[in-house]
Protein backbone atom coordinates (compact mmCIF):
# COMPACT_ATOMS: atom_id res chain seq x y z
CA UNK A 1 129.90 154.03 80.74
CA UNK A 2 126.18 153.33 81.05
CA UNK A 3 123.86 154.21 78.31
CA UNK A 4 120.25 155.19 78.75
CA UNK A 5 119.06 151.97 77.09
CA UNK A 6 120.90 149.55 79.46
CA UNK A 7 118.62 147.19 81.37
CA UNK A 8 118.80 147.00 85.16
CA UNK A 9 119.19 143.21 85.39
CA UNK A 10 119.27 143.10 89.20
CA UNK A 11 115.97 144.95 89.50
CA UNK A 12 114.35 142.71 86.86
CA UNK A 13 115.54 139.55 88.68
CA UNK A 14 114.31 140.78 92.07
CA UNK A 15 110.90 141.74 90.69
CA UNK A 16 110.65 138.38 88.88
CA UNK A 17 111.40 136.41 92.05
CA UNK A 18 108.95 138.48 94.09
CA UNK A 19 106.26 137.99 91.42
CA UNK A 20 106.79 134.23 91.42
CA UNK A 21 106.54 134.10 95.21
CA UNK A 22 103.39 136.23 95.27
CA UNK A 23 101.80 134.04 92.60
CA UNK A 24 102.67 130.80 94.47
CA UNK A 25 101.32 132.14 97.78
CA UNK A 26 98.13 133.31 96.05
CA UNK A 27 97.60 129.91 94.43
CA UNK A 28 98.09 128.12 97.76
CA UNK A 29 95.74 130.54 99.55
CA UNK A 30 93.02 130.03 96.95
CA UNK A 31 93.44 126.24 97.21
CA UNK A 32 93.12 126.32 101.01
CA UNK A 33 90.06 128.55 100.74
CA UNK A 34 88.47 126.24 98.15
CA UNK A 35 88.92 123.09 100.26
CA UNK A 36 87.66 124.87 103.39
CA UNK A 37 84.53 125.96 101.55
CA UNK A 38 84.08 122.47 100.07
CA UNK A 39 84.19 120.99 103.60
CA UNK A 40 81.53 123.47 104.73
CA UNK A 41 79.29 122.57 101.79
CA UNK A 42 79.75 118.83 102.40
CA UNK A 43 78.89 119.29 106.07
CA UNK A 44 75.70 121.14 105.19
CA UNK A 45 74.74 118.44 102.71
CA UNK A 46 75.17 115.75 105.36
CA UNK A 47 73.12 117.71 107.88
CA UNK A 48 70.25 118.33 105.47
CA UNK A 49 70.25 114.86 103.90
CA UNK A 50 67.18 112.71 104.18
CA UNK A 51 67.46 109.00 103.81
CA UNK A 52 63.87 108.20 102.89
CA UNK A 53 64.71 105.48 100.37
CA UNK A 54 67.20 103.81 102.69
CA UNK A 55 64.83 104.09 105.65
CA UNK A 56 62.05 102.49 103.58
CA UNK A 57 64.31 99.55 102.68
CA UNK A 58 65.35 99.20 106.32
CA UNK A 59 61.73 99.22 107.49
CA UNK A 60 60.84 96.59 104.89
CA UNK A 61 63.73 94.39 106.03
CA UNK A 62 62.76 94.85 109.69
CA UNK A 63 59.17 93.83 108.92
CA UNK A 64 60.42 90.75 107.06
CA UNK A 65 62.69 89.73 109.92
CA UNK A 66 59.99 90.31 112.53
CA UNK A 67 57.82 87.65 110.85
CA UNK A 68 60.27 84.95 112.00
CA UNK A 69 60.61 83.75 115.58
CA UNK A 70 58.16 83.09 118.39
CA UNK A 71 54.79 84.83 118.44
CA UNK A 72 54.40 86.02 122.06
CA UNK A 73 50.60 85.88 121.91
CA UNK A 74 50.12 82.34 120.59
CA UNK A 75 53.52 80.76 121.29
CA UNK A 76 53.75 79.58 117.68
CA UNK A 77 57.22 79.41 116.14
CA UNK A 78 57.57 80.88 112.67
CA UNK A 79 60.41 79.52 110.54
CA UNK A 80 61.40 80.55 107.00
CA UNK A 81 60.18 78.06 104.39
CA UNK A 82 63.68 77.44 103.03
CA UNK A 83 65.00 76.51 106.48
CA UNK A 84 62.03 74.22 107.15
CA UNK A 85 62.51 72.46 103.81
CA UNK A 86 66.22 71.90 104.48
CA UNK A 87 65.46 70.49 107.90
CA UNK A 88 62.78 68.15 106.51
CA UNK A 89 65.14 66.88 103.79
CA UNK A 90 67.85 66.28 106.38
CA UNK A 91 65.42 64.40 108.65
CA UNK A 92 64.08 62.35 105.73
CA UNK A 93 67.63 61.42 104.77
CA UNK A 94 68.44 60.26 108.29
CA UNK A 95 65.25 58.11 108.44
CA UNK A 96 66.10 56.43 105.12
CA UNK A 97 69.56 55.42 106.36
CA UNK A 98 68.23 53.80 109.51
């Protein structure tokens, strides 16, 4: 004999399971949407990035490197001072031994 205040346990369980599934699917969908939008934003940042500071450092390094080597106009060889000093010390050491 069912009374009017009895709870329908089957209906409550079914609705609970459906609610859990809907919540889980919604959370996963929002996460996928977030990461897709984050990838789009990162791509736009890379496309619009300017590397002025890095390019300035690279240009400075290229200028410094270009000072070494053979001057095509005069034929003079330019060597870094540190390398020339090491070579002179090595040569002086070999002359002292002989």
